[in-house]
């Protein structure tokens, strides 16, 4: 049952806490046009890049949560069937 709940919480994340459009770079808010440098200065990521990556990640997170919830449901049903067969 816990696996199902965790899967549902993961599915809800992009619509709740993950729905915020506020981006930060090491704790500092980003705005359109700003750039975030890696801590070692090797690469930079623009505001637009980060927004794009967040948009791509949402369906992946939802899918992972759905798979986890489905797996938990499968485990629950298997356990219930096993208990019924033993009785």
C-alpha atoms as a PDB file:
ATOM      1  CA  UNK A   1       0.000   0.000   0.000  1.00  0.00           C
ATOM      2  CA  UNK A   2       2.881   2.351   0.802  1.00  0.00           C
ATOM      3  CA  UNK A   3       4.298   1.874  -2.709  1.00  0.00           C
ATOM      4  CA  UNK A   4       0.978   2.982  -4.207  1.00  0.00           C
ATOM      5  CA  UNK A   5       0.880   6.082  -2.010  1.00  0.00           C
ATOM      6  CA  UNK A   6       4.474   7.019  -2.877  1.00  0.00           C
ATOM      7  CA  UNK A   7       3.692   6.574  -6.578  1.00  0.00           C
ATOM      8  CA  UNK A   8       0.642   8.826  -6.283  1.00  0.00           C
ATOM      9  CA  UNK A   9       2.671  11.450  -4.408  1.00  0.00           C
ATOM     10  CA  UNK A  10       5.324  11.381  -7.132  1.00  0.00           C
ATOM     11  CA  UNK A  11       2.599  11.819  -9.748  1.00  0.00           C
ATOM     12  CA  UNK A  12       1.196  14.810  -7.824  1.00  0.00           C
ATOM     13  CA  UNK A  13       4.559  16.555  -7.412  1.00  0.00           C
ATOM     14  CA  UNK A  14       4.636  18.310 -10.825  1.00  0.00           C
ATOM     15  CA  UNK A  15       1.197  19.783 -10.126  1.00  0.00           C
ATOM     16  CA  UNK A  16       1.958  20.942  -6.572  1.00  0.00           C
ATOM     17  CA  UNK A  17       5.458  21.762  -5.365  1.00  0.00           C
ATOM     18  CA  UNK A  18       7.018  21.217  -8.782  1.00  0.00           C
ATOM     19  CA  UNK A  19       4.528  23.531 -10.498  1.00  0.00           C
ATOM     20  CA  UNK A  20       6.380  26.651  -9.402  1.00  0.00           C
ATOM     21  CA  UNK A  21       7.885  28.532 -12.336  1.00  0.00           C
ATOM     22  CA  UNK A  22      10.404  30.226 -10.029  1.00  0.00           C
ATOM     23  CA  UNK A  23      13.875  29.070 -10.970  1.00  0.00           C
ATOM     24  CA  UNK A  24      16.923  29.519  -8.790  1.00  0.00           C
ATOM     25  CA  UNK A  25      20.647  29.330  -9.354  1.00  0.00           C
ATOM     26  CA  UNK A  26      22.389  28.295  -6.126  1.00  0.00           C
ATOM     27  CA  UNK A  27      19.632  29.923  -4.089  1.00  0.00           C
ATOM     28  CA  UNK A  28      19.361  33.113  -6.169  1.00  0.00           C
ATOM     29  CA  UNK A  29      16.180  33.651  -8.217  1.00  0.00           C
ATOM     30  CA  UNK A  30      16.591  33.615 -11.977  1.00  0.00           C
ATOM     31  CA  UNK A  31      14.741  35.830 -14.444  1.00  0.00           C
ATOM     32  CA  UNK A  32      14.369  35.655 -18.225  1.00  0.00           C
ATOM     33  CA  UNK A  33      17.727  36.405 -19.788  1.00  0.00           C
ATOM     34  CA  UNK A  34      19.798  35.337 -16.770  1.00  0.00           C
ATOM     35  CA  UNK A  35      22.451  32.625 -16.883  1.00  0.00           C
ATOM     36  CA  UNK A  36      23.515  30.145 -14.221  1.00  0.00           C
ATOM     37  CA  UNK A  37      27.144  29.076 -14.170  1.00  0.00           C
ATOM     38  CA  UNK A  38      28.166  25.738 -12.717  1.00  0.00           C
ATOM     39  CA  UNK A  39      30.044  26.041  -9.432  1.00  0.00           C
ATOM     40  CA  UNK A  40      33.340  25.308 -11.196  1.00  0.00           C
ATOM     41  CA  UNK A  41      32.509  27.764 -14.006  1.00  0.00           C
ATOM     42  CA  UNK A  42      32.789  25.061 -16.692  1.00  0.00           C
ATOM     43  CA  UNK A  43      29.309  25.482 -18.175  1.00  0.00           C
ATOM     44  CA  UNK A  44      26.430  27.911 -18.189  1.00  0.00           C
ATOM     45  CA  UNK A  45      22.706  27.264 -18.392  1.00  0.00           C
ATOM     46  CA  UNK A  46      20.243  29.937 -19.441  1.00  0.00           C
ATOM     47  CA  UNK A  47      16.837  30.614 -17.940  1.00  0.00           C
ATOM     48  CA  UNK A  48      15.201  29.340 -21.142  1.00  0.00           C
ATOM     49  CA  UNK A  49      17.233  26.108 -20.971  1.00  0.00           C
ATOM     50  CA  UNK A  50      16.107  25.476 -17.410  1.00  0.00           C
ATOM     51  CA  UNK A  51      12.441  26.161 -18.212  1.00  0.00           C
ATOM     52  CA  UNK A  52      12.680  23.798 -21.176  1.00  0.00           C
ATOM     53  CA  UNK A  53      14.261  21.034 -19.098  1.00  0.00           C
ATOM     54  CA  UNK A  54      11.599  21.421 -16.415  1.00  0.00           C
ATOM     55  CA  UNK A  55       8.844  21.098 -19.030  1.00  0.00           C
ATOM     56  CA  UNK A  56      10.436  17.930 -20.422  1.00  0.00           C
ATOM     57  CA  UNK A  57      10.874  16.429 -16.941  1.00  0.00           C
ATOM     58  CA  UNK A  58       7.219  16.771 -15.912  1.00  0.00           C
ATOM     59  CA  UNK A  59       5.823  13.929 -18.057  1.00  0.00           C
ATOM     60  CA  UNK A  60       8.760  11.723 -17.062  1.00  0.00           C
ATOM     61  CA  UNK A  61       8.097  12.268 -13.361  1.00  0.00           C
ATOM     62  CA  UNK A  62       4.372  11.626 -13.845  1.00  0.00           C
ATOM     63  CA  UNK A  63       5.128   8.445 -15.798  1.00  0.00           C
ATOM     64  CA  UNK A  64       7.552   7.191 -13.154  1.00  0.00           C
ATOM     65  CA  UNK A  65       4.954   7.804 -10.448  1.00  0.00           C
ATOM     66  CA  UNK A  66       2.296   6.009 -12.482  1.00  0.00           C
ATOM     67  CA  UNK A  67       4.573   3.012 -12.994  1.00  0.00           C
ATOM     68  CA  UNK A  68       5.366   2.886  -9.289  1.00  0.00           C
ATOM     69  CA  UNK A  69       1.670   3.117  -8.368  1.00  0.00           C
ATOM     70  CA  UNK A  70       0.821   0.392 -10.898  1.00  0.00           C
ATOM     71  CA  UNK A  71       3.566  -1.841  -9.496  1.00  0.00           C
ATOM     72  CA  UNK A  72       2.269  -1.272  -5.974  1.00  0.00           C
ATOM     73  CA  UNK A  73      -1.246  -2.138  -7.134  1.00  0.00           C
ATOM     74  CA  UNK A  74       0.067  -5.335  -8.723  1.00  0.00           C
ATOM     75  CA  UNK A  75       1.833  -6.275  -5.477  1.00  0.00           C
ATOM     76  CA  UNK A  76      -1.289  -5.550  -3.426  1.00  0.00           C
ATOM     77  CA  UNK A  77      -3.544  -7.607  -5.706  1.00  0.00           C
ATOM     78  CA  UNK A  78      -1.028 -10.488  -5.753  1.00  0.00           C
ATOM     79  CA  UNK A  79      -0.842 -10.455  -1.963  1.00  0.00           C
ATOM     80  CA  UNK A  80      -4.639 -10.412  -1.593  1.00  0.00           C
ATOM     81  CA  UNK A  81      -5.016 -13.315  -4.044  1.00  0.00           C
ATOM     82  CA  UNK A  82      -2.340 -15.306  -2.229  1.00  0.00           C
ATOM     83  CA  UNK A  83      -4.059 -14.759   1.125  1.00  0.00           C
ATOM     84  CA  UNK A  84      -7.429 -15.757  -0.354  1.00  0.00           C
ATOM     85  CA  UNK A  85      -5.927 -18.941  -1.845  1.00  0.00           C
ATOM     86  CA  UNK A  86      -4.324 -19.877   1.482  1.00  0.00           C
ATOM     87  CA  UNK A  87      -7.604 -19.453   3.381  1.00  0.00           C
END
